[in-house]
């Protein structure tokens, strides 16, 4: 059995979508959902799905082995970042080499890097009058959005699209492709 942990900082719609996708696949288990935000709605989603959770502080994340120990206790094989915005510490990267995947709401290398997440990305795409955007699923390394690209899916952007319109198109791509690509990686 492959055991996954999902890290999320906010609403958790992608985390829930992934958990539901794998719920009828006995060879996979979502072992935990972790968050750096005690008020994140993802924690409510996890409770409703009976998935264990862990909330942690920045110092616990960056200066201790609390997260690595928790993941080892849960026998986690693979980590999914689904709306998690902190750079990962070296102890986590070393423990899970080539086993941490992220989804970015743009076609990297465009619109990546520190501060480029969520609506910040969609606003930049609209302001720059891009004709297309999309998602990038990539492995994680020690820099923001610079890991090996695994998969990209595109959508067209109309001249009158708002950042909210772009966000809706991106969410559809995320929900459709992220769980499938995770499964292929495993």
N, C-alpha and C. Protein backbone atom coordinates (compact mmCIF):
# COMPACT_ATOMS: atom_id res chain seq x y z
N UNK A 1 0.84 -1.19 0.00
CA UNK A 1 0.00 0.00 0.00
C UNK A 1 0.88 1.24 0.00
N UNK A 2 0.52 2.22 -0.81
CA UNK A 2 1.19 3.52 -0.83
C UNK A 2 0.43 4.47 0.08
N UNK A 3 1.17 5.10 0.98
CA UNK A 3 0.56 6.04 1.93
C UNK A 3 0.98 7.45 1.58
N UNK A 4 -0.01 8.33 1.48
CA UNK A 4 0.21 9.72 1.11
C UNK A 4 -0.12 10.65 2.27
N UNK A 5 0.61 11.74 2.33
CA UNK A 5 0.27 12.85 3.22
C UNK A 5 0.05 14.07 2.33
N UNK A 6 -0.93 14.86 2.69
CA UNK A 6 -1.23 16.08 1.94
C UNK A 6 -0.97 17.28 2.85
N UNK A 7 -0.23 18.24 2.33
CA UNK A 7 0.00 19.51 3.03
C UNK A 7 -0.86 20.57 2.36
N UNK A 8 -1.58 21.35 3.16
CA UNK A 8 -2.42 22.43 2.63
C UNK A 8 -2.48 23.57 3.65
N UNK A 9 -2.67 24.78 3.15
CA UNK A 9 -2.70 25.96 4.03
C UNK A 9 -4.06 26.62 4.11
N UNK A 10 -4.99 26.27 3.22
CA UNK A 10 -6.24 27.02 3.15
C UNK A 10 -7.49 26.17 3.09
N UNK A 11 -8.28 26.42 2.08
CA UNK A 11 -9.60 25.80 1.94
C UNK A 11 -9.54 24.27 1.82
N UNK A 12 -8.59 23.80 1.05
CA UNK A 12 -8.42 22.35 0.94
C UNK A 12 -9.30 21.67 -0.09
N UNK A 13 -9.80 22.40 -1.06
CA UNK A 13 -10.65 21.75 -2.07
C UNK A 13 -9.86 20.73 -2.88
N UNK A 14 -8.59 21.03 -3.19
CA UNK A 14 -7.76 20.06 -3.90
C UNK A 14 -7.46 18.85 -3.02
N UNK A 15 -7.19 19.09 -1.74
CA UNK A 15 -6.93 17.99 -0.82
C UNK A 15 -8.14 17.06 -0.74
N UNK A 16 -9.33 17.64 -0.63
CA UNK A 16 -10.54 16.82 -0.57
C UNK A 16 -10.75 16.06 -1.87
N UNK A 17 -10.52 16.72 -3.00
CA UNK A 17 -10.67 16.07 -4.30
C UNK A 17 -9.72 14.87 -4.42
N UNK A 18 -8.50 15.04 -3.98
CA UNK A 18 -7.51 13.95 -4.02
C UNK A 18 -7.94 12.82 -3.09
N UNK A 19 -8.36 13.16 -1.89
CA UNK A 19 -8.80 12.14 -0.92
C UNK A 19 -9.98 11.34 -1.47
N UNK A 20 -10.92 12.02 -2.06
CA UNK A 20 -12.10 11.32 -2.63
C UNK A 20 -11.69 10.44 -3.81
N UNK A 21 -10.78 10.92 -4.63
CA UNK A 21 -10.30 10.15 -5.78
C UNK A 21 -9.69 8.82 -5.33
N UNK A 22 -8.90 8.86 -4.25
CA UNK A 22 -8.21 7.65 -3.78
C UNK A 22 -9.04 6.82 -2.81
N UNK A 23 -10.20 7.30 -2.41
CA UNK A 23 -10.98 6.62 -1.37
C UNK A 23 -11.44 5.21 -1.78
N UNK A 24 -11.63 4.97 -3.07
CA UNK A 24 -12.08 3.65 -3.51
C UNK A 24 -10.95 2.84 -4.15
N UNK A 25 -9.71 3.22 -3.84
CA UNK A 25 -8.54 2.52 -4.37
C UNK A 25 -7.77 1.94 -3.18
N UNK A 26 -7.99 0.66 -2.87
CA UNK A 26 -7.41 0.08 -1.64
C UNK A 26 -5.88 0.04 -1.62
N UNK A 27 -5.24 0.21 -2.76
CA UNK A 27 -3.78 0.19 -2.77
C UNK A 27 -3.15 1.53 -2.36
N UNK A 28 -4.02 2.52 -2.07
CA UNK A 28 -3.57 3.84 -1.65
C UNK A 28 -4.31 4.26 -0.39
N UNK A 29 -3.62 5.09 0.42
CA UNK A 29 -4.26 5.62 1.62
C UNK A 29 -3.79 7.06 1.82
N UNK A 30 -4.72 7.93 2.12
CA UNK A 30 -4.36 9.27 2.57
C UNK A 30 -4.18 9.15 4.08
N UNK A 31 -2.94 9.13 4.53
CA UNK A 31 -2.63 8.85 5.93
C UNK A 31 -2.77 10.06 6.84
N UNK A 32 -2.63 11.27 6.26
CA UNK A 32 -2.75 12.48 7.07
C UNK A 32 -2.85 13.71 6.18
N UNK A 33 -3.47 14.73 6.75
CA UNK A 33 -3.46 16.05 6.14
C UNK A 33 -2.82 16.99 7.15
N UNK A 34 -1.79 17.70 6.71
CA UNK A 34 -1.03 18.60 7.58
C UNK A 34 -1.22 20.04 7.14
N UNK A 35 -1.24 20.93 8.12
CA UNK A 35 -1.42 22.35 7.80
C UNK A 35 -0.61 23.23 8.74
N UNK A 36 -0.19 24.35 8.19
CA UNK A 36 0.49 25.38 8.96
C UNK A 36 -0.49 26.44 9.45
N UNK A 37 -1.78 26.20 9.27
CA UNK A 37 -2.82 27.17 9.60
C UNK A 37 -3.91 26.48 10.42
N UNK A 38 -3.96 26.77 11.71
CA UNK A 38 -4.94 26.12 12.60
C UNK A 38 -6.37 26.44 12.23
N UNK A 39 -6.59 27.51 11.46
CA UNK A 39 -7.95 27.90 11.05
C UNK A 39 -8.28 27.49 9.62
N UNK A 40 -7.42 26.74 8.98
CA UNK A 40 -7.63 26.34 7.59
C UNK A 40 -8.84 25.42 7.48
N UNK A 41 -9.68 25.68 6.49
CA UNK A 41 -10.87 24.86 6.29
C UNK A 41 -10.51 23.43 5.88
N UNK A 42 -9.30 23.23 5.38
CA UNK A 42 -8.87 21.88 5.02
C UNK A 42 -8.95 20.94 6.21
N UNK A 43 -8.77 21.45 7.43
CA UNK A 43 -8.84 20.61 8.62
C UNK A 43 -10.26 20.10 8.85
N UNK A 44 -11.25 20.93 8.59
CA UNK A 44 -12.65 20.48 8.66
C UNK A 44 -12.94 19.43 7.60
N UNK A 45 -12.43 19.67 6.41
CA UNK A 45 -12.62 18.67 5.33
C UNK A 45 -12.00 17.34 5.74
N UNK A 46 -10.80 17.39 6.32
CA UNK A 46 -10.12 16.16 6.75
C UNK A 46 -10.93 15.42 7.81
N UNK A 47 -11.44 16.17 8.79
CA UNK A 47 -12.25 15.53 9.84
C UNK A 47 -13.48 14.86 9.23
N UNK A 48 -14.14 15.52 8.28
CA UNK A 48 -15.34 14.92 7.67
C UNK A 48 -15.00 13.67 6.86
N UNK A 49 -13.75 13.56 6.42
CA UNK A 49 -13.30 12.38 5.67
C UNK A 49 -12.59 11.36 6.56
N UNK A 50 -12.57 11.63 7.88
CA UNK A 50 -11.89 10.75 8.84
C UNK A 50 -10.41 10.56 8.55
N UNK A 51 -9.76 11.64 8.16
CA UNK A 51 -8.33 11.62 7.89
C UNK A 51 -7.63 12.34 9.04
N UNK A 52 -6.63 11.71 9.66
CA UNK A 52 -5.89 12.37 10.74
C UNK A 52 -5.24 13.67 10.27
N UNK A 53 -5.10 14.61 11.19
CA UNK A 53 -4.51 15.91 10.86
C UNK A 53 -3.37 16.25 11.81
N UNK A 54 -2.55 17.17 11.37
CA UNK A 54 -1.52 17.74 12.22
C UNK A 54 -1.36 19.21 11.84
N UNK A 55 -1.38 20.07 12.85
CA UNK A 55 -1.13 21.50 12.65
C UNK A 55 0.23 21.80 13.26
N UNK A 56 1.02 22.62 12.59
CA UNK A 56 2.37 22.91 13.07
C UNK A 56 2.70 24.38 12.87
N UNK A 57 3.66 24.84 13.65
CA UNK A 57 4.13 26.22 13.56
C UNK A 57 5.32 26.30 12.60
N UNK A 58 5.68 27.51 12.26
CA UNK A 58 6.84 27.70 11.38
C UNK A 58 8.12 27.16 12.03
N UNK A 59 8.30 27.40 13.32
CA UNK A 59 9.53 26.91 13.98
C UNK A 59 9.53 25.38 14.07
N UNK A 60 8.38 24.77 14.35
CA UNK A 60 8.31 23.30 14.36
C UNK A 60 8.64 22.74 12.98
N UNK A 61 8.19 23.42 11.95
CA UNK A 61 8.40 22.98 10.57
C UNK A 61 9.86 23.10 10.16
N UNK A 62 10.45 24.25 10.47
CA UNK A 62 11.80 24.55 9.98
C UNK A 62 12.93 24.15 10.91
N UNK A 63 12.66 24.03 12.22
CA UNK A 63 13.77 23.86 13.17
C UNK A 63 13.71 22.58 13.99
N UNK A 64 12.74 21.71 13.69
CA UNK A 64 12.65 20.45 14.42
C UNK A 64 12.39 19.30 13.44
N UNK A 65 12.40 18.10 13.97
CA UNK A 65 12.06 16.92 13.18
C UNK A 65 10.62 16.47 13.44
N UNK A 66 9.80 17.33 14.02
CA UNK A 66 8.42 16.97 14.34
C UNK A 66 7.67 16.43 13.12
N UNK A 67 7.77 17.10 12.00
CA UNK A 67 7.02 16.71 10.80
C UNK A 67 7.57 15.38 10.25
N UNK A 68 8.88 15.28 10.15
CA UNK A 68 9.50 14.05 9.64
C UNK A 68 9.12 12.87 10.54
N UNK A 69 9.14 13.07 11.85
CA UNK A 69 8.77 12.00 12.79
C UNK A 69 7.31 11.60 12.65
N UNK A 70 6.44 12.60 12.52
CA UNK A 70 5.01 12.32 12.34
C UNK A 70 4.77 11.52 11.07
N UNK A 71 5.41 11.92 9.98
CA UNK A 71 5.24 11.21 8.71
C UNK A 71 5.78 9.78 8.79
N UNK A 72 6.88 9.59 9.50
CA UNK A 72 7.44 8.24 9.68
C UNK A 72 6.48 7.38 10.50
N UNK A 73 5.91 7.97 11.53
CA UNK A 73 4.93 7.25 12.37
C UNK A 73 3.73 6.80 11.53
N UNK A 74 3.33 7.62 10.58
CA UNK A 74 2.19 7.30 9.69
C UNK A 74 2.61 6.44 8.50
N UNK A 75 3.91 6.15 8.41
CA UNK A 75 4.47 5.33 7.32
C UNK A 75 4.20 5.93 5.94
N UNK A 76 4.32 7.24 5.85
CA UNK A 76 4.05 7.96 4.60
C UNK A 76 5.17 7.70 3.59
N UNK A 77 4.76 7.40 2.36
CA UNK A 77 5.69 7.16 1.25
C UNK A 77 5.84 8.36 0.34
N UNK A 78 4.81 9.20 0.28
CA UNK A 78 4.74 10.23 -0.75
C UNK A 78 3.99 11.44 -0.19
N UNK A 79 4.45 12.63 -0.53
CA UNK A 79 3.83 13.87 -0.04
C UNK A 79 3.28 14.67 -1.21
N UNK A 80 2.07 15.19 -1.00
CA UNK A 80 1.40 16.04 -1.99
C UNK A 80 1.21 17.42 -1.37
N UNK A 81 1.70 18.44 -2.06
CA UNK A 81 1.45 19.82 -1.65
C UNK A 81 0.25 20.31 -2.46
N UNK A 82 -0.81 20.66 -1.77
CA UNK A 82 -2.04 21.08 -2.43
C UNK A 82 -2.48 22.42 -1.83
N UNK A 83 -1.85 23.48 -2.31
CA UNK A 83 -2.14 24.79 -1.73
C UNK A 83 -1.34 25.03 -0.47
N UNK A 84 -0.11 24.57 -0.46
CA UNK A 84 0.79 24.80 0.67
C UNK A 84 1.88 25.73 0.20
N UNK A 85 2.10 26.85 0.91
CA UNK A 85 2.92 27.91 0.34
C UNK A 85 4.30 28.09 0.97
N UNK A 86 4.65 27.31 1.97
CA UNK A 86 5.98 27.46 2.57
C UNK A 86 7.01 26.64 1.81
N UNK A 87 8.22 27.16 1.75
CA UNK A 87 9.35 26.42 1.21
C UNK A 87 9.67 25.27 2.17
N UNK A 88 9.95 24.09 1.64
CA UNK A 88 10.18 22.93 2.49
C UNK A 88 11.60 22.92 3.06
N UNK A 89 11.73 22.51 4.34
CA UNK A 89 13.06 22.44 4.95
C UNK A 89 13.85 21.25 4.42
N UNK A 90 15.18 21.34 4.55
CA UNK A 90 16.06 20.30 4.01
C UNK A 90 15.82 18.93 4.63
N UNK A 91 15.47 18.86 5.93
CA UNK A 91 15.26 17.54 6.54
C UNK A 91 14.11 16.80 5.86
N UNK A 92 13.09 17.51 5.44
CA UNK A 92 11.95 16.89 4.74
C UNK A 92 12.35 16.51 3.31
N UNK A 93 13.06 17.39 2.64
CA UNK A 93 13.51 17.10 1.27
C UNK A 93 14.45 15.89 1.24
N UNK A 94 15.31 15.77 2.23
CA UNK A 94 16.24 14.64 2.28
C UNK A 94 15.53 13.32 2.60
N UNK A 95 14.53 13.38 3.46
CA UNK A 95 13.79 12.18 3.85
C UNK A 95 12.92 11.66 2.70
N UNK A 96 12.44 12.58 1.84
CA UNK A 96 11.53 12.21 0.75
C UNK A 96 12.06 12.68 -0.60
N UNK A 97 13.24 12.21 -1.02
CA UNK A 97 13.77 12.65 -2.32
C UNK A 97 12.88 12.13 -3.46
N UNK A 98 12.57 13.00 -4.39
CA UNK A 98 11.72 12.65 -5.55
C UNK A 98 10.39 12.04 -5.13
N UNK A 99 9.90 12.44 -3.96
CA UNK A 99 8.63 11.91 -3.45
C UNK A 99 7.72 13.01 -2.91
N UNK A 100 7.95 14.25 -3.37
CA UNK A 100 7.11 15.37 -2.97
C UNK A 100 6.69 16.10 -4.24
N UNK A 101 5.38 16.16 -4.45
CA UNK A 101 4.85 16.78 -5.66
C UNK A 101 4.00 17.99 -5.28
N UNK A 102 4.00 18.98 -6.16
CA UNK A 102 3.23 20.20 -5.96
C UNK A 102 2.44 20.51 -7.22
N UNK A 103 1.39 21.29 -7.04
CA UNK A 103 0.66 21.80 -8.20
C UNK A 103 0.74 23.32 -8.15
N UNK A 104 1.03 23.92 -9.29
CA UNK A 104 1.13 25.38 -9.40
C UNK A 104 0.07 25.87 -10.39
N UNK A 105 -0.62 26.98 -10.07
CA UNK A 105 -1.73 27.43 -10.92
C UNK A 105 -1.30 28.30 -12.10
N UNK A 106 -0.23 27.91 -12.77
CA UNK A 106 0.23 28.60 -13.99
C UNK A 106 1.15 27.65 -14.74
N UNK A 107 1.51 28.06 -15.92
CA UNK A 107 2.41 27.26 -16.74
C UNK A 107 3.85 27.67 -16.45
N UNK A 108 4.46 26.98 -15.50
CA UNK A 108 5.84 27.29 -15.16
C UNK A 108 6.73 27.10 -16.38
N UNK A 109 7.78 27.88 -16.54
CA UNK A 109 8.38 28.74 -15.53
C UNK A 109 7.71 30.12 -15.37
N UNK A 110 6.71 30.42 -16.18
CA UNK A 110 6.02 31.70 -16.01
C UNK A 110 5.25 31.73 -14.69
N UNK A 111 5.24 32.88 -14.06
CA UNK A 111 4.42 33.16 -12.88
C UNK A 111 4.70 32.22 -11.71
N UNK A 112 5.97 31.91 -11.53
CA UNK A 112 6.38 31.09 -10.39
C UNK A 112 7.23 31.90 -9.43
N UNK A 113 7.58 31.30 -8.33
CA UNK A 113 8.46 31.93 -7.36
C UNK A 113 7.72 32.39 -6.12
N UNK A 114 8.48 32.93 -5.19
CA UNK A 114 7.94 33.38 -3.91
C UNK A 114 6.83 34.41 -4.12
N UNK A 115 5.72 34.21 -3.46
CA UNK A 115 4.59 35.13 -3.54
C UNK A 115 3.65 34.86 -4.71
N UNK A 116 4.03 33.97 -5.59
CA UNK A 116 3.18 33.67 -6.75
C UNK A 116 2.34 32.42 -6.45
N UNK A 117 1.18 32.67 -5.87
CA UNK A 117 0.24 31.60 -5.55
C UNK A 117 -1.17 32.18 -5.64
N UNK A 118 -2.14 31.29 -5.84
CA UNK A 118 -3.55 31.70 -5.82
C UNK A 118 -3.86 32.86 -6.74
N UNK A 119 -4.63 33.81 -6.21
CA UNK A 119 -5.09 34.94 -7.01
C UNK A 119 -3.95 35.84 -7.47
N UNK A 120 -2.82 35.84 -6.78
CA UNK A 120 -1.67 36.62 -7.24
C UNK A 120 -1.27 36.19 -8.65
N UNK A 121 -1.29 34.89 -8.88
CA UNK A 121 -0.93 34.34 -10.19
C UNK A 121 -1.98 34.75 -11.23
N UNK A 122 -3.25 34.56 -10.90
CA UNK A 122 -4.31 34.84 -11.87
C UNK A 122 -4.39 36.32 -12.23
N UNK A 123 -4.16 37.19 -11.25
CA UNK A 123 -4.12 38.64 -11.52
C UNK A 123 -2.98 38.97 -12.48
N UNK A 124 -1.81 38.38 -12.26
CA UNK A 124 -0.66 38.63 -13.13
C UNK A 124 -0.93 38.13 -14.55
N UNK A 125 -1.56 36.98 -14.67
CA UNK A 125 -1.89 36.42 -15.98
C UNK A 125 -2.81 37.38 -16.74
N UNK A 126 -3.84 37.88 -16.07
CA UNK A 126 -4.79 38.81 -16.71
C UNK A 126 -4.11 40.14 -17.03
N UNK A 127 -3.36 40.68 -16.08
CA UNK A 127 -2.67 41.98 -16.31
C UNK A 127 -1.72 41.92 -17.49
N UNK A 128 -1.09 40.76 -17.69
CA UNK A 128 -0.15 40.61 -18.80
C UNK A 128 -0.82 40.15 -20.09
N UNK A 129 -2.15 40.10 -20.08
CA UNK A 129 -2.94 39.78 -21.27
C UNK A 129 -2.50 38.46 -21.93
N UNK A 130 -2.25 37.47 -21.08
CA UNK A 130 -1.89 36.14 -21.58
C UNK A 130 -3.07 35.53 -22.34
N UNK A 131 -2.78 34.77 -23.35
CA UNK A 131 -3.82 34.09 -24.12
C UNK A 131 -4.12 32.70 -23.58
N UNK A 132 -3.21 32.20 -22.74
CA UNK A 132 -3.44 30.90 -22.11
C UNK A 132 -2.77 30.87 -20.75
N UNK A 133 -3.28 29.97 -19.93
CA UNK A 133 -2.67 29.69 -18.64
C UNK A 133 -2.85 28.21 -18.41
N UNK A 134 -2.71 27.77 -17.19
CA UNK A 134 -2.88 26.34 -16.94
C UNK A 134 -2.31 25.94 -15.60
N UNK A 135 -2.01 24.66 -15.49
CA UNK A 135 -1.45 24.12 -14.26
C UNK A 135 -0.12 23.44 -14.57
N UNK A 136 0.73 23.42 -13.57
CA UNK A 136 1.99 22.68 -13.66
C UNK A 136 2.09 21.80 -12.43
N UNK A 137 2.25 20.52 -12.65
CA UNK A 137 2.50 19.57 -11.57
C UNK A 137 3.99 19.27 -11.63
N UNK A 138 4.67 19.49 -10.51
CA UNK A 138 6.13 19.37 -10.51
C UNK A 138 6.64 18.79 -9.20
N UNK A 139 7.82 18.21 -9.27
CA UNK A 139 8.49 17.73 -8.07
C UNK A 139 9.03 18.93 -7.32
N UNK A 140 9.22 18.75 -6.03
CA UNK A 140 9.71 19.83 -5.17
C UNK A 140 11.21 19.71 -4.98
N UNK A 141 11.87 20.87 -4.99
CA UNK A 141 13.27 20.93 -4.58
C UNK A 141 13.42 22.08 -3.59
N UNK A 142 14.64 22.57 -3.39
CA UNK A 142 14.85 23.57 -2.36
C UNK A 142 14.49 25.00 -2.78
N UNK A 143 13.97 25.18 -4.00
CA UNK A 143 13.57 26.51 -4.47
C UNK A 143 12.10 26.50 -4.88
N UNK A 144 11.46 27.66 -4.77
CA UNK A 144 10.06 27.78 -5.17
C UNK A 144 9.88 27.50 -6.66
N UNK A 145 9.03 26.55 -6.97
CA UNK A 145 8.55 26.30 -8.34
C UNK A 145 9.64 25.99 -9.36
N UNK A 146 10.76 25.43 -8.91
CA UNK A 146 11.84 25.12 -9.84
C UNK A 146 12.11 23.62 -9.97
N UNK A 147 11.30 22.79 -9.33
CA UNK A 147 11.49 21.35 -9.44
C UNK A 147 11.11 20.83 -10.82
N UNK A 148 11.53 19.61 -11.08
CA UNK A 148 11.28 18.96 -12.38
C UNK A 148 9.79 18.94 -12.71
N UNK A 149 9.44 19.43 -13.89
CA UNK A 149 8.04 19.47 -14.33
C UNK A 149 7.61 18.06 -14.75
N UNK A 150 6.48 17.63 -14.21
CA UNK A 150 5.92 16.31 -14.50
C UNK A 150 4.83 16.41 -15.57
N UNK A 151 3.98 17.43 -15.44
CA UNK A 151 2.81 17.52 -16.31
C UNK A 151 2.30 18.96 -16.35
N UNK A 152 1.83 19.38 -17.52
CA UNK A 152 1.15 20.67 -17.65
C UNK A 152 -0.13 20.47 -18.45
N UNK A 153 -1.16 21.21 -18.07
CA UNK A 153 -2.42 21.26 -18.82
C UNK A 153 -2.76 22.73 -19.01
N UNK A 154 -3.30 23.05 -20.19
CA UNK A 154 -3.55 24.45 -20.56
C UNK A 154 -5.03 24.75 -20.70
N UNK A 155 -5.34 26.03 -20.54
CA UNK A 155 -6.68 26.53 -20.85
C UNK A 155 -6.50 27.89 -21.51
N UNK A 156 -7.47 28.25 -22.35
CA UNK A 156 -7.38 29.55 -23.02
C UNK A 156 -7.93 30.64 -22.11
N UNK A 157 -7.40 31.83 -22.29
CA UNK A 157 -7.83 33.01 -21.54
C UNK A 157 -8.44 33.98 -22.54
N UNK A 158 -9.69 34.34 -22.31
CA UNK A 158 -10.38 35.29 -23.19
C UNK A 158 -9.97 36.72 -22.79
N UNK A 159 -10.00 37.65 -23.74
CA UNK A 159 -9.60 39.03 -23.43
C UNK A 159 -10.40 39.67 -22.28
N UNK A 160 -11.63 39.24 -22.09
CA UNK A 160 -12.46 39.84 -21.03
C UNK A 160 -12.50 39.00 -19.76
N UNK A 161 -11.69 37.94 -19.66
CA UNK A 161 -11.65 37.12 -18.45
C UNK A 161 -11.10 37.93 -17.27
N UNK A 162 -11.72 37.75 -16.12
CA UNK A 162 -11.24 38.36 -14.88
C UNK A 162 -10.32 37.35 -14.19
N UNK A 163 -9.58 37.78 -13.18
CA UNK A 163 -8.78 36.80 -12.42
C UNK A 163 -9.65 35.69 -11.83
N UNK A 164 -10.88 36.02 -11.44
CA UNK A 164 -11.80 35.00 -10.91
C UNK A 164 -12.18 33.98 -11.98
N UNK A 165 -12.36 34.46 -13.23
CA UNK A 165 -12.66 33.55 -14.35
C UNK A 165 -11.48 32.60 -14.58
N UNK A 166 -10.29 33.15 -14.53
CA UNK A 166 -9.08 32.33 -14.72
C UNK A 166 -8.98 31.31 -13.59
N UNK A 167 -9.23 31.75 -12.36
CA UNK A 167 -9.17 30.83 -11.22
C UNK A 167 -10.13 29.66 -11.40
N UNK A 168 -11.32 29.93 -11.89
CA UNK A 168 -12.30 28.85 -12.11
C UNK A 168 -11.80 27.85 -13.15
N UNK A 169 -11.22 28.36 -14.24
CA UNK A 169 -10.68 27.47 -15.27
C UNK A 169 -9.53 26.62 -14.72
N UNK A 170 -8.68 27.25 -13.91
CA UNK A 170 -7.53 26.54 -13.33
C UNK A 170 -8.01 25.46 -12.36
N UNK A 171 -9.00 25.80 -11.52
CA UNK A 171 -9.52 24.80 -10.57
C UNK A 171 -10.05 23.57 -11.31
N UNK A 172 -10.73 23.76 -12.41
CA UNK A 172 -11.23 22.61 -13.18
C UNK A 172 -10.07 21.72 -13.63
N UNK A 173 -9.00 22.34 -14.11
CA UNK A 173 -7.83 21.55 -14.53
C UNK A 173 -7.20 20.83 -13.34
N UNK A 174 -7.09 21.53 -12.21
CA UNK A 174 -6.50 20.92 -11.01
C UNK A 174 -7.30 19.69 -10.59
N UNK A 175 -8.61 19.83 -10.51
CA UNK A 175 -9.46 18.73 -10.05
C UNK A 175 -9.40 17.55 -11.01
N UNK A 176 -9.33 17.84 -12.30
CA UNK A 176 -9.30 16.76 -13.30
C UNK A 176 -7.97 16.02 -13.32
N UNK A 177 -6.87 16.76 -13.27
CA UNK A 177 -5.57 16.13 -13.55
C UNK A 177 -4.71 15.79 -12.33
N UNK A 178 -4.79 16.56 -11.26
CA UNK A 178 -3.86 16.34 -10.15
C UNK A 178 -3.95 14.92 -9.57
N UNK A 179 -5.14 14.42 -9.23
CA UNK A 179 -5.20 13.05 -8.69
C UNK A 179 -4.69 11.99 -9.66
N UNK A 180 -5.00 12.15 -10.94
CA UNK A 180 -4.57 11.16 -11.95
C UNK A 180 -3.06 11.13 -12.07
N UNK A 181 -2.44 12.31 -12.07
CA UNK A 181 -0.98 12.37 -12.20
C UNK A 181 -0.31 11.82 -10.95
N UNK A 182 -0.87 12.10 -9.77
CA UNK A 182 -0.34 11.52 -8.53
C UNK A 182 -0.37 9.99 -8.63
N UNK A 183 -1.49 9.45 -9.07
CA UNK A 183 -1.62 8.00 -9.19
C UNK A 183 -0.58 7.45 -10.15
N UNK A 184 -0.35 8.13 -11.28
CA UNK A 184 0.66 7.67 -12.23
C UNK A 184 2.06 7.70 -11.62
N UNK A 185 2.34 8.72 -10.82
CA UNK A 185 3.66 8.82 -10.17
C UNK A 185 3.88 7.69 -9.18
N UNK A 186 2.82 7.22 -8.55
CA UNK A 186 2.92 6.15 -7.57
C UNK A 186 2.96 4.79 -8.24
